[in-house]
Amino acid sequence: MEFKGFSMRWVTGGVTAVIAIAFVLNFSASPAASGPAKQTKKEEAAVPAPPFSLMSLGGKPVTLKSQRGKWVFVNFWAKWCGPCVAEMPMIENLAKKMKGRPFEILAINVDDEEPDAIKTFMSRKGLTFTVLLDRNGTASESYGINALPMTFLVNPSGEVVAKALGPREWDSPEMLDYLTGLMKDGGMEKS
């Protein structure tokens, strides 16, 4: 399997090494021990999120622009990425905890498998959040993805306000407090 000129074995090994180094250097403590703010980098200044238009698993086009007015959790992942798969149930729980709020999860899959294989994977894992397919790598490239998983939080104005490299305990009380705090700071929720 080739990925932009490199064998998938090389990419997988490289991604694993980058994630391991990131954890040692920056993310060695758990979110509960050090707090989500130390685990998820809040941007010093909001920057425009790169636009994208991708097909959903349901075959419908989804654009980032169509999500304006909501907070958007953009997660880049692959089935072959162990840390990505490990955090999926926590993302599902986060989706359930954020239900009823102006919050949308868009999980961008970078596998080169057929959509039916991704649908089967999602069904077997009991995952219901929106999955988009980045078959040609344009969204991954525009977001500078060089390791997985990588997650961005986009505010209702379409700006990246936080990002995280590596898996997180997305459904922990601390992370939920962190995310809702960002949403309150952005003026989307009333106290």
N, C-alpha and C. Protein backbone atom coordinates (compact mmCIF):
# COMPACT_ATOMS: atom_id res chain seq x y z
N MET A 1 0.85 -1.16 0.00
CA MET A 1 0.00 0.00 0.00
C MET A 1 0.90 1.24 0.00
N GLU A 2 0.63 2.19 -0.88
CA GLU A 2 1.45 3.39 -0.98
C GLU A 2 0.69 4.60 -0.45
N PHE A 3 1.40 5.52 0.18
CA PHE A 3 0.82 6.75 0.72
C PHE A 3 1.75 7.88 0.34
N LYS A 4 1.36 8.63 -0.69
CA LYS A 4 2.16 9.75 -1.18
C LYS A 4 3.62 9.34 -1.39
N GLY A 5 3.85 8.19 -2.03
CA GLY A 5 5.19 7.78 -2.39
C GLY A 5 5.93 6.97 -1.34
N PHE A 6 5.34 6.74 -0.18
CA PHE A 6 6.00 5.95 0.86
C PHE A 6 5.18 4.69 1.10
N SER A 7 5.85 3.62 1.47
CA SER A 7 5.09 2.41 1.79
C SER A 7 4.35 2.62 3.09
N MET A 8 3.18 1.96 3.25
CA MET A 8 2.37 2.12 4.45
C MET A 8 3.14 1.64 5.68
N ARG A 9 3.98 0.62 5.53
CA ARG A 9 4.78 0.14 6.66
C ARG A 9 5.69 1.25 7.16
N TRP A 10 6.32 2.00 6.23
CA TRP A 10 7.20 3.09 6.62
C TRP A 10 6.40 4.20 7.30
N VAL A 11 5.24 4.54 6.72
CA VAL A 11 4.40 5.59 7.29
C VAL A 11 3.92 5.18 8.68
N THR A 12 3.46 3.93 8.84
CA THR A 12 2.98 3.46 10.14
C THR A 12 4.10 3.52 11.17
N GLY A 13 5.27 3.04 10.82
CA GLY A 13 6.41 3.09 11.74
C GLY A 13 6.79 4.51 12.08
N GLY A 14 6.79 5.38 11.08
CA GLY A 14 7.12 6.79 11.32
C GLY A 14 6.10 7.47 12.20
N VAL A 15 4.82 7.19 11.95
CA VAL A 15 3.76 7.78 12.77
C VAL A 15 3.89 7.30 14.21
N THR A 16 4.15 6.02 14.40
CA THR A 16 4.31 5.48 15.75
C THR A 16 5.48 6.16 16.46
N ALA A 17 6.58 6.34 15.77
CA ALA A 17 7.74 6.99 16.37
C ALA A 17 7.44 8.44 16.73
N VAL A 18 6.77 9.16 15.85
CA VAL A 18 6.44 10.57 16.12
C VAL A 18 5.51 10.66 17.33
N ILE A 19 4.51 9.80 17.39
CA ILE A 19 3.58 9.83 18.52
C ILE A 19 4.32 9.51 19.81
N ALA A 20 5.20 8.51 19.77
CA ALA A 20 5.96 8.15 20.98
C ALA A 20 6.82 9.32 21.44
N ILE A 21 7.49 9.98 20.51
CA ILE A 21 8.33 11.13 20.87
C ILE A 21 7.47 12.26 21.43
N ALA A 22 6.32 12.51 20.81
CA ALA A 22 5.43 13.57 21.29
C ALA A 22 4.97 13.30 22.71
N PHE A 23 4.64 12.04 22.99
CA PHE A 23 4.21 11.71 24.35
C PHE A 23 5.34 11.91 25.34
N VAL A 24 6.55 11.50 24.99
CA VAL A 24 7.68 11.65 25.90
C VAL A 24 7.97 13.12 26.15
N LEU A 25 7.97 13.92 25.09
CA LEU A 25 8.34 15.32 25.23
C LEU A 25 7.23 16.21 25.78
N ASN A 26 6.00 15.97 25.36
CA ASN A 26 4.94 16.92 25.67
C ASN A 26 3.71 16.35 26.34
N PHE A 27 3.44 15.10 26.16
CA PHE A 27 2.15 14.57 26.58
C PHE A 27 2.29 13.35 27.48
N SER A 28 3.30 13.32 28.32
CA SER A 28 3.55 12.11 29.09
C SER A 28 2.56 11.90 30.22
N ALA A 29 1.96 12.94 30.74
CA ALA A 29 1.01 12.78 31.85
C ALA A 29 -0.39 12.57 31.29
N SER A 30 -1.24 11.93 32.07
CA SER A 30 -2.61 11.74 31.63
C SER A 30 -3.39 13.04 31.80
N PRO A 31 -4.49 13.24 31.03
CA PRO A 31 -5.29 14.44 31.20
C PRO A 31 -5.79 14.63 32.62
N ALA A 32 -6.11 13.55 33.30
CA ALA A 32 -6.61 13.68 34.67
C ALA A 32 -5.52 14.18 35.61
N ALA A 33 -4.27 13.82 35.34
CA ALA A 33 -3.16 14.21 36.21
C ALA A 33 -2.71 15.64 35.96
N SER A 34 -2.73 16.07 34.70
CA SER A 34 -2.17 17.38 34.40
C SER A 34 -3.19 18.36 33.86
N GLY A 35 -4.38 17.93 33.61
CA GLY A 35 -5.42 18.81 33.10
C GLY A 35 -5.40 18.88 31.59
N PRO A 36 -6.57 18.99 30.98
CA PRO A 36 -6.69 19.02 29.53
C PRO A 36 -5.95 20.20 28.91
N ALA A 37 -5.84 21.31 29.62
CA ALA A 37 -5.17 22.48 29.04
C ALA A 37 -3.72 22.17 28.73
N LYS A 38 -3.09 21.30 29.52
CA LYS A 38 -1.71 20.93 29.26
C LYS A 38 -1.63 19.88 28.15
N GLN A 39 -2.73 19.20 27.89
CA GLN A 39 -2.76 18.14 26.90
C GLN A 39 -3.25 18.61 25.54
N THR A 40 -4.08 19.63 25.51
CA THR A 40 -4.66 20.15 24.29
C THR A 40 -4.26 21.61 24.19
N LYS A 41 -3.53 21.94 23.14
CA LYS A 41 -2.97 23.27 23.02
C LYS A 41 -4.02 24.27 22.56
N LYS A 42 -4.29 25.25 23.40
CA LYS A 42 -5.17 26.34 23.00
C LYS A 42 -4.33 27.30 22.18
N GLU A 43 -4.80 27.67 21.03
CA GLU A 43 -4.06 28.56 20.15
C GLU A 43 -3.94 29.94 20.79
N GLU A 44 -2.78 30.56 20.63
CA GLU A 44 -2.56 31.91 21.15
C GLU A 44 -3.54 32.89 20.50
N ALA A 45 -3.72 32.75 19.20
CA ALA A 45 -4.68 33.56 18.46
C ALA A 45 -5.40 32.62 17.50
N ALA A 46 -6.69 32.77 17.40
CA ALA A 46 -7.45 31.92 16.48
C ALA A 46 -6.98 32.15 15.06
N VAL A 47 -6.85 31.06 14.31
CA VAL A 47 -6.43 31.14 12.91
C VAL A 47 -7.52 30.51 12.06
N PRO A 48 -7.75 31.02 10.86
CA PRO A 48 -8.79 30.43 10.02
C PRO A 48 -8.53 28.94 9.77
N ALA A 49 -9.57 28.15 9.94
CA ALA A 49 -9.47 26.71 9.66
C ALA A 49 -9.46 26.51 8.16
N PRO A 50 -8.56 25.67 7.66
CA PRO A 50 -8.57 25.39 6.22
C PRO A 50 -9.92 24.80 5.81
N PRO A 51 -10.50 25.30 4.73
CA PRO A 51 -11.80 24.77 4.29
C PRO A 51 -11.63 23.37 3.70
N PHE A 52 -12.70 22.61 3.74
CA PHE A 52 -12.70 21.31 3.06
C PHE A 52 -14.10 20.97 2.64
N SER A 53 -14.18 20.12 1.64
CA SER A 53 -15.43 19.54 1.17
C SER A 53 -15.14 18.07 0.95
N LEU A 54 -15.73 17.22 1.77
CA LEU A 54 -15.47 15.78 1.72
C LEU A 54 -16.78 15.01 1.72
N MET A 55 -16.72 13.78 1.21
CA MET A 55 -17.91 12.92 1.21
C MET A 55 -18.02 12.22 2.55
N SER A 56 -19.24 12.13 3.04
CA SER A 56 -19.50 11.38 4.26
C SER A 56 -19.63 9.90 3.91
N LEU A 57 -19.62 9.06 4.93
CA LEU A 57 -19.84 7.63 4.69
C LEU A 57 -21.20 7.38 4.05
N GLY A 58 -22.14 8.29 4.30
CA GLY A 58 -23.48 8.18 3.71
C GLY A 58 -23.54 8.65 2.27
N GLY A 59 -22.40 9.13 1.73
CA GLY A 59 -22.35 9.57 0.35
C GLY A 59 -22.76 11.01 0.12
N LYS A 60 -22.90 11.78 1.19
CA LYS A 60 -23.28 13.19 1.05
C LYS A 60 -22.06 14.09 1.23
N PRO A 61 -21.97 15.16 0.43
CA PRO A 61 -20.84 16.08 0.63
C PRO A 61 -21.03 16.90 1.90
N VAL A 62 -19.95 17.10 2.64
CA VAL A 62 -19.97 17.91 3.86
C VAL A 62 -18.83 18.91 3.75
N THR A 63 -19.15 20.18 4.02
CA THR A 63 -18.11 21.21 4.02
C THR A 63 -17.95 21.75 5.43
N LEU A 64 -16.76 22.24 5.72
CA LEU A 64 -16.56 22.88 7.02
C LEU A 64 -17.42 24.14 7.09
N LYS A 65 -17.53 24.84 5.98
CA LYS A 65 -18.32 26.08 5.95
C LYS A 65 -19.78 25.83 6.33
N SER A 66 -20.31 24.65 6.00
CA SER A 66 -21.71 24.33 6.33
C SER A 66 -21.92 24.16 7.83
N GLN A 67 -20.84 24.11 8.59
CA GLN A 67 -20.92 23.93 10.04
C GLN A 67 -20.85 25.25 10.79
N ARG A 68 -20.76 26.38 10.08
CA ARG A 68 -20.67 27.68 10.74
C ARG A 68 -21.79 27.84 11.74
N GLY A 69 -21.46 28.46 12.86
CA GLY A 69 -22.43 28.63 13.93
C GLY A 69 -22.33 27.53 14.98
N LYS A 70 -21.52 26.49 14.70
CA LYS A 70 -21.31 25.40 15.65
C LYS A 70 -19.83 25.30 15.98
N TRP A 71 -19.54 24.68 17.10
CA TRP A 71 -18.19 24.26 17.42
C TRP A 71 -17.97 22.94 16.69
N VAL A 72 -16.82 22.79 16.03
CA VAL A 72 -16.58 21.58 15.25
C VAL A 72 -15.30 20.91 15.74
N PHE A 73 -15.44 19.67 16.12
CA PHE A 73 -14.36 18.80 16.58
C PHE A 73 -13.92 18.02 15.34
N VAL A 74 -12.75 18.38 14.78
CA VAL A 74 -12.25 17.76 13.55
C VAL A 74 -11.13 16.81 13.94
N ASN A 75 -11.36 15.52 13.75
CA ASN A 75 -10.40 14.49 14.16
C ASN A 75 -9.94 13.71 12.93
N PHE A 76 -8.62 13.71 12.69
CA PHE A 76 -8.04 12.94 11.59
C PHE A 76 -7.61 11.58 12.15
N TRP A 77 -7.99 10.49 11.47
CA TRP A 77 -7.74 9.15 11.98
C TRP A 77 -7.65 8.13 10.85
N ALA A 78 -7.20 6.92 11.22
CA ALA A 78 -7.16 5.80 10.29
C ALA A 78 -7.42 4.51 11.06
N LYS A 79 -7.94 3.49 10.36
CA LYS A 79 -8.20 2.19 10.99
C LYS A 79 -6.92 1.50 11.44
N TRP A 80 -5.82 1.71 10.71
CA TRP A 80 -4.55 1.05 11.04
C TRP A 80 -3.82 1.73 12.19
N CYS A 81 -4.32 2.85 12.66
CA CYS A 81 -3.69 3.63 13.73
C CYS A 81 -4.26 3.18 15.08
N GLY A 82 -3.45 2.44 15.85
CA GLY A 82 -3.90 1.93 17.15
C GLY A 82 -4.41 3.01 18.09
N PRO A 83 -3.67 4.13 18.28
CA PRO A 83 -4.16 5.19 19.16
C PRO A 83 -5.47 5.81 18.66
N CYS A 84 -5.64 5.87 17.34
CA CYS A 84 -6.89 6.40 16.78
C CYS A 84 -8.07 5.51 17.18
N VAL A 85 -7.89 4.22 16.98
CA VAL A 85 -8.95 3.25 17.30
C VAL A 85 -9.25 3.27 18.80
N ALA A 86 -8.20 3.41 19.61
CA ALA A 86 -8.39 3.41 21.07
C ALA A 86 -9.22 4.60 21.54
N GLU A 87 -9.10 5.76 20.87
CA GLU A 87 -9.85 6.93 21.34
C GLU A 87 -11.26 7.02 20.76
N MET A 88 -11.59 6.18 19.80
CA MET A 88 -12.91 6.24 19.17
C MET A 88 -14.08 6.10 20.16
N PRO A 89 -14.06 5.14 21.09
CA PRO A 89 -15.18 5.06 22.03
C PRO A 89 -15.31 6.33 22.89
N MET A 90 -14.20 6.97 23.19
CA MET A 90 -14.25 8.20 23.98
C MET A 90 -14.84 9.35 23.16
N ILE A 91 -14.56 9.36 21.86
CA ILE A 91 -15.16 10.38 20.98
C ILE A 91 -16.66 10.14 20.89
N GLU A 92 -17.07 8.87 20.81
CA GLU A 92 -18.51 8.55 20.78
C GLU A 92 -19.18 9.03 22.07
N ASN A 93 -18.54 8.78 23.21
CA ASN A 93 -19.10 9.25 24.48
C ASN A 93 -19.15 10.77 24.53
N LEU A 94 -18.14 11.43 24.01
CA LEU A 94 -18.15 12.90 23.96
C LEU A 94 -19.33 13.38 23.12
N ALA A 95 -19.57 12.75 21.99
CA ALA A 95 -20.70 13.13 21.14
C ALA A 95 -22.01 13.04 21.92
N LYS A 96 -22.16 11.98 22.70
CA LYS A 96 -23.39 11.81 23.49
C LYS A 96 -23.49 12.88 24.58
N LYS A 97 -22.37 13.19 25.22
CA LYS A 97 -22.38 14.20 26.29
C LYS A 97 -22.61 15.61 25.75
N MET A 98 -22.25 15.86 24.51
CA MET A 98 -22.41 17.20 23.93
C MET A 98 -23.71 17.34 23.14
N LYS A 99 -24.51 16.29 23.10
CA LYS A 99 -25.77 16.33 22.37
C LYS A 99 -26.63 17.49 22.87
N GLY A 100 -27.25 18.19 21.94
CA GLY A 100 -28.10 19.32 22.29
C GLY A 100 -27.35 20.64 22.35
N ARG A 101 -26.05 20.60 22.17
CA ARG A 101 -25.23 21.82 22.16
C ARG A 101 -24.80 22.10 20.73
N PRO A 102 -24.37 23.31 20.44
CA PRO A 102 -23.90 23.62 19.09
C PRO A 102 -22.51 23.03 18.86
N PHE A 103 -22.44 21.71 18.76
CA PHE A 103 -21.17 20.99 18.72
C PHE A 103 -21.30 19.84 17.74
N GLU A 104 -20.38 19.74 16.80
CA GLU A 104 -20.42 18.70 15.78
C GLU A 104 -19.08 17.98 15.72
N ILE A 105 -19.11 16.67 15.63
CA ILE A 105 -17.89 15.88 15.46
C ILE A 105 -17.79 15.45 14.00
N LEU A 106 -16.64 15.78 13.39
CA LEU A 106 -16.34 15.34 12.04
C LEU A 106 -15.03 14.55 12.10
N ALA A 107 -15.12 13.25 11.99
CA ALA A 107 -13.95 12.38 12.02
C ALA A 107 -13.51 12.13 10.59
N ILE A 108 -12.35 12.64 10.22
CA ILE A 108 -11.87 12.54 8.84
C ILE A 108 -10.95 11.33 8.72
N ASN A 109 -11.44 10.34 7.98
CA ASN A 109 -10.69 9.10 7.80
C ASN A 109 -9.72 9.25 6.63
N VAL A 110 -8.47 8.84 6.85
CA VAL A 110 -7.43 8.96 5.82
C VAL A 110 -7.04 7.62 5.21
N ASP A 111 -7.76 6.54 5.54
CA ASP A 111 -7.50 5.23 4.94
C ASP A 111 -7.81 5.28 3.45
N ASP A 112 -7.18 4.37 2.70
CA ASP A 112 -7.51 4.28 1.28
C ASP A 112 -8.42 3.08 1.00
N GLU A 113 -9.16 2.66 2.03
CA GLU A 113 -10.08 1.54 1.88
C GLU A 113 -11.42 2.02 1.32
N GLU A 114 -12.19 1.07 0.86
CA GLU A 114 -13.52 1.37 0.35
C GLU A 114 -14.42 1.85 1.50
N PRO A 115 -15.37 2.73 1.21
CA PRO A 115 -16.28 3.22 2.24
C PRO A 115 -17.00 2.11 3.00
N ASP A 116 -17.34 1.00 2.32
CA ASP A 116 -18.04 -0.10 3.00
C ASP A 116 -17.18 -0.70 4.12
N ALA A 117 -15.86 -0.74 3.94
CA ALA A 117 -14.97 -1.26 4.98
C ALA A 117 -14.97 -0.34 6.20
N ILE A 118 -15.03 0.96 5.95
CA ILE A 118 -15.07 1.94 7.05
C ILE A 118 -16.43 1.86 7.75
N LYS A 119 -17.51 1.71 6.97
CA LYS A 119 -18.85 1.56 7.56
C LYS A 119 -18.91 0.33 8.46
N THR A 120 -18.35 -0.78 7.99
CA THR A 120 -18.34 -2.01 8.78
C THR A 120 -17.57 -1.80 10.08
N PHE A 121 -16.42 -1.15 9.99
CA PHE A 121 -15.61 -0.85 11.17
C PHE A 121 -16.42 -0.02 12.17
N MET A 122 -17.07 1.04 11.69
CA MET A 122 -17.85 1.92 12.56
C MET A 122 -19.00 1.15 13.21
N SER A 123 -19.67 0.32 12.43
CA SER A 123 -20.80 -0.45 12.95
C SER A 123 -20.35 -1.45 14.02
N ARG A 124 -19.26 -2.15 13.77
CA ARG A 124 -18.75 -3.14 14.74
C ARG A 124 -18.34 -2.48 16.05
N LYS A 125 -17.86 -1.24 15.96
CA LYS A 125 -17.42 -0.51 17.16
C LYS A 125 -18.57 0.25 17.83
N GLY A 126 -19.75 0.29 17.19
CA GLY A 126 -20.89 1.01 17.75
C GLY A 126 -20.72 2.51 17.70
N LEU A 127 -20.04 3.01 16.66
CA LEU A 127 -19.75 4.44 16.53
C LEU A 127 -20.74 5.09 15.59
N THR A 128 -21.30 6.23 16.02
CA THR A 128 -22.37 6.86 15.25
C THR A 128 -22.03 8.28 14.78
N PHE A 129 -20.90 8.83 15.18
CA PHE A 129 -20.57 10.20 14.77
C PHE A 129 -20.22 10.25 13.28
N THR A 130 -20.22 11.45 12.74
CA THR A 130 -20.01 11.65 11.30
C THR A 130 -18.58 11.35 10.90
N VAL A 131 -18.44 10.51 9.87
CA VAL A 131 -17.12 10.20 9.31
C VAL A 131 -17.08 10.72 7.88
N LEU A 132 -16.00 11.45 7.59
CA LEU A 132 -15.76 11.97 6.24
C LEU A 132 -14.56 11.24 5.66
N LEU A 133 -14.51 11.13 4.34
CA LEU A 133 -13.46 10.38 3.66
C LEU A 133 -12.51 11.33 2.93
N ASP A 134 -11.24 11.29 3.31
CA ASP A 134 -10.20 12.13 2.68
C ASP A 134 -9.33 11.24 1.79
N ARG A 135 -9.92 10.71 0.72
CA ARG A 135 -9.24 9.76 -0.15
C ARG A 135 -8.02 10.34 -0.87
N ASN A 136 -8.10 11.58 -1.29
CA ASN A 136 -6.97 12.16 -2.03
C ASN A 136 -6.01 12.94 -1.14
N GLY A 137 -6.29 13.01 0.16
CA GLY A 137 -5.38 13.65 1.10
C GLY A 137 -5.38 15.16 1.11
N THR A 138 -6.34 15.79 0.45
CA THR A 138 -6.32 17.26 0.39
C THR A 138 -6.58 17.90 1.74
N ALA A 139 -7.53 17.36 2.51
CA ALA A 139 -7.80 17.94 3.83
C ALA A 139 -6.62 17.70 4.76
N SER A 140 -6.07 16.48 4.74
CA SER A 140 -4.91 16.16 5.57
C SER A 140 -3.75 17.09 5.26
N GLU A 141 -3.53 17.33 3.99
CA GLU A 141 -2.43 18.21 3.58
C GLU A 141 -2.67 19.65 4.02
N SER A 142 -3.89 20.13 3.86
CA SER A 142 -4.16 21.53 4.21
C SER A 142 -4.10 21.76 5.72
N TYR A 143 -4.32 20.71 6.51
CA TYR A 143 -4.21 20.82 7.97
C TYR A 143 -2.81 20.45 8.48
N GLY A 144 -1.92 20.08 7.58
CA GLY A 144 -0.55 19.75 7.97
C GLY A 144 -0.45 18.47 8.78
N ILE A 145 -1.27 17.49 8.47
CA ILE A 145 -1.28 16.24 9.23
C ILE A 145 -0.04 15.43 8.89
N ASN A 146 0.78 15.16 9.91
CA ASN A 146 1.97 14.33 9.72
C ASN A 146 2.03 13.20 10.74
N ALA A 147 1.03 13.11 11.59
CA ALA A 147 0.91 12.04 12.59
C ALA A 147 -0.56 11.91 12.96
N LEU A 148 -0.94 10.74 13.43
CA LEU A 148 -2.33 10.47 13.80
C LEU A 148 -2.40 9.91 15.21
N PRO A 149 -3.51 10.10 15.88
CA PRO A 149 -4.61 11.00 15.54
C PRO A 149 -4.22 12.46 15.78
N MET A 150 -4.88 13.33 15.09
CA MET A 150 -4.70 14.77 15.28
C MET A 150 -6.09 15.40 15.25
N THR A 151 -6.34 16.27 16.23
CA THR A 151 -7.67 16.84 16.42
C THR A 151 -7.59 18.36 16.50
N PHE A 152 -8.56 19.01 15.90
CA PHE A 152 -8.67 20.47 15.92
C PHE A 152 -10.05 20.85 16.42
N LEU A 153 -10.12 21.92 17.21
CA LEU A 153 -11.40 22.46 17.61
C LEU A 153 -11.59 23.78 16.88
N VAL A 154 -12.65 23.83 16.09
CA VAL A 154 -12.96 25.00 15.26
C VAL A 154 -14.15 25.72 15.88
N ASN A 155 -14.01 27.03 16.07
CA ASN A 155 -15.09 27.80 16.69
C ASN A 155 -16.20 28.11 15.67
N PRO A 156 -17.32 28.67 16.11
CA PRO A 156 -18.44 28.94 15.20
C PRO A 156 -18.12 29.91 14.07
N SER A 157 -17.03 30.66 14.20
CA SER A 157 -16.62 31.58 13.13
C SER A 157 -15.70 30.92 12.12
N GLY A 158 -15.36 29.64 12.33
CA GLY A 158 -14.50 28.93 11.39
C GLY A 158 -13.02 29.07 11.67
N GLU A 159 -12.66 29.31 12.94
CA GLU A 159 -11.26 29.48 13.31
C GLU A 159 -10.81 28.34 14.23
N VAL A 160 -9.59 27.87 14.02
CA VAL A 160 -9.01 26.85 14.90
C VAL A 160 -8.63 27.53 16.20
N VAL A 161 -9.17 27.03 17.32
CA VAL A 161 -8.86 27.62 18.63
C VAL A 161 -8.08 26.66 19.52
N ALA A 162 -8.02 25.36 19.15
CA ALA A 162 -7.24 24.39 19.92
C ALA A 162 -6.91 23.22 19.02
N LYS A 163 -5.79 22.54 19.34
CA LYS A 163 -5.42 21.34 18.60
C LYS A 163 -4.72 20.37 19.53
N ALA A 164 -4.79 19.09 19.15
CA ALA A 164 -4.17 18.04 19.95
C ALA A 164 -3.55 16.99 19.04
N LEU A 165 -2.30 16.65 19.32
CA LEU A 165 -1.63 15.56 18.63
C LEU A 165 -1.65 14.36 19.55
N GLY A 166 -2.13 13.25 19.06
CA GLY A 166 -2.19 12.04 19.87
C GLY A 166 -3.56 11.86 20.49
N PRO A 167 -3.78 10.68 21.07
CA PRO A 167 -5.09 10.38 21.64
C PRO A 167 -5.33 11.14 22.95
N ARG A 168 -6.60 11.31 23.28
CA ARG A 168 -7.01 11.96 24.52
C ARG A 168 -8.16 11.19 25.15
N GLU A 169 -8.39 11.45 26.40
CA GLU A 169 -9.57 10.93 27.08
C GLU A 169 -10.67 11.96 26.86
N TRP A 170 -11.25 11.94 25.66
CA TRP A 170 -12.19 12.97 25.24
C TRP A 170 -13.45 13.01 26.09
N ASP A 171 -13.79 11.95 26.75
CA ASP A 171 -15.03 11.91 27.53
C ASP A 171 -14.80 12.10 29.02
N SER A 172 -13.58 12.44 29.43
CA SER A 172 -13.32 12.64 30.86
C SER A 172 -14.00 13.92 31.35
N PRO A 173 -14.35 13.99 32.64
CA PRO A 173 -14.95 15.21 33.17
C PRO A 173 -14.04 16.43 32.96
N GLU A 174 -12.73 16.23 33.09
CA GLU A 174 -11.80 17.35 32.91
C GLU A 174 -11.82 17.86 31.47
N MET A 175 -11.85 16.94 30.51
CA MET A 175 -11.87 17.36 29.11
C MET A 175 -13.20 18.03 28.77
N LEU A 176 -14.28 17.49 29.30
CA LEU A 176 -15.59 18.10 29.06
C LEU A 176 -15.63 19.52 29.62
N ASP A 177 -15.07 19.71 30.82
CA ASP A 177 -14.98 21.05 31.41
C ASP A 177 -14.14 21.97 30.55
N TYR A 178 -13.02 21.44 30.05
CA TYR A 178 -12.13 22.23 29.19
C TYR A 178 -12.85 22.67 27.92
N LEU A 179 -13.51 21.73 27.25
CA LEU A 179 -14.21 22.06 26.00
C LEU A 179 -15.37 23.02 26.23
N THR A 180 -16.17 22.78 27.26
CA THR A 180 -17.28 23.70 27.52
C THR A 180 -16.77 25.06 27.96
N GLY A 181 -15.61 25.09 28.63
CA GLY A 181 -15.00 26.37 28.99
C GLY A 181 -14.60 27.16 27.76
N LEU A 182 -14.02 26.48 26.77
CA LEU A 182 -13.68 27.15 25.51
C LEU A 182 -14.93 27.67 24.83
N MET A 183 -16.01 26.87 24.88
CA MET A 183 -17.24 27.29 24.25
C MET A 183 -17.82 28.51 24.94
N LYS A 184 -17.74 28.56 26.27
CA LYS A 184 -18.24 29.73 27.01
C LYS A 184 -17.39 30.95 26.69
N ASP A 185 -16.08 30.78 26.64
CA ASP A 185 -15.20 31.90 26.29
C ASP A 185 -15.51 32.44 24.91
N GLY A 186 -16.00 31.56 24.03
CA GLY A 186 -16.33 31.96 22.68
C GLY A 186 -17.71 32.57 22.56
N GLY A 187 -18.42 32.64 23.68
CA GLY A 187 -19.72 33.30 23.69
C GLY A 187 -20.87 32.46 23.20
N MET A 188 -20.67 31.13 23.09
CA MET A 188 -21.74 30.29 22.53
C MET A 188 -22.70 29.78 23.61
N GLU A 189 -22.27 29.75 24.86
CA GLU A 189 -23.16 29.27 25.92
C GLU A 189 -23.37 30.36 26.95
N LYS A 190 -24.57 30.40 27.51
CA LYS A 190 -24.86 31.36 28.56
C LYS A 190 -24.61 30.69 29.91
N SER A 191 -24.07 31.44 30.84
CA SER A 191 -23.75 30.89 32.18
C SER A 191 -25.01 30.65 32.97
